[in-house]
């Protein structure tokens, strides 16, 4: 590979890197959403257990 890169090659490379970065951001957003949903589910389960425990001595 030559040391000199044409402007067109540079633009293609930058476009490719932008697409890769965009895909990584999308995957990160999905992962964060899943973690948030799991966190809420955990909080709901803990809340239900606490309420049941206080009402009827469950657990």
Protein backbone atom coordinates (compact mmCIF):
# COMPACT_ATOMS: atom_id res chain seq x y z
CA UNK A 1 0.00 0.00 0.00
CA UNK A 2 1.40 3.36 -0.95
CA UNK A 3 2.09 6.05 1.64
CA UNK A 4 0.08 8.63 -0.30
CA UNK A 5 -3.68 8.32 -0.20
CA UNK A 6 -5.84 10.10 -2.70
CA UNK A 7 -8.58 12.40 -1.48
CA UNK A 8 -11.21 10.02 -2.87
CA UNK A 9 -9.74 7.06 -0.97
CA UNK A 10 -9.60 9.16 2.18
CA UNK A 11 -13.27 10.13 1.81
CA UNK A 12 -14.27 6.49 1.28
CA UNK A 13 -12.36 5.47 4.40
CA UNK A 14 -13.93 8.24 6.48
CA UNK A 15 -17.42 7.30 5.23
CA UNK A 16 -16.79 3.68 6.17
CA UNK A 17 -15.58 4.67 9.64
CA UNK A 18 -18.65 6.89 10.11
CA UNK A 19 -20.92 3.93 9.28
CA UNK A 20 -19.05 1.70 11.72
CA UNK A 21 -19.30 4.34 14.44
CA UNK A 22 -23.01 4.82 13.75
CA UNK A 23 -23.67 1.09 14.04
CA UNK A 24 -21.74 0.95 17.32
CA UNK A 25 -23.83 3.82 18.72
CA UNK A 26 -27.07 2.08 17.70
CA UNK A 27 -25.97 -1.16 19.36
CA UNK A 28 -24.95 0.76 22.47
CA UNK A 29 -28.37 2.45 22.63
CA UNK A 30 -30.15 -0.91 22.33
CA UNK A 31 -27.93 -2.42 25.03
CA UNK A 32 -28.58 0.54 27.33
CA UNK A 33 -32.34 0.22 26.77
CA UNK A 34 -32.26 -3.48 27.64
CA UNK A 35 -30.31 -2.76 30.83
CA UNK A 36 -32.79 -0.02 31.77
CA UNK A 37 -35.77 -2.35 31.26
CA UNK A 38 -34.08 -5.08 33.31
CA UNK A 39 -33.37 -2.54 36.06
CA UNK A 40 -37.03 -1.51 36.17
CA UNK A 41 -38.17 -5.14 36.22
CA UNK A 42 -35.83 -5.86 39.13
CA UNK A 43 -37.11 -2.80 41.01
CA UNK A 44 -40.73 -3.88 40.43
CA UNK A 45 -40.05 -7.42 41.69
CA UNK A 46 -38.27 -6.09 44.79
CA UNK A 47 -41.13 -3.65 45.39
CA UNK A 48 -43.75 -6.39 45.13
CA UNK A 49 -41.80 -8.60 47.55
CA UNK A 50 -41.49 -5.73 50.04
CA UNK A 51 -45.22 -4.95 49.81
CA UNK A 52 -46.20 -8.61 50.20
CA UNK A 53 -43.81 -8.97 53.11
CA UNK A 54 -45.31 -5.98 54.90
CA UNK A 55 -48.92 -7.01 54.20
CA UNK A 56 -48.97 -10.75 54.84
CA UNK A 57 -45.54 -11.66 56.14
CA UNK A 58 -44.52 -13.26 52.85
CA UNK A 59 -40.95 -14.57 52.76
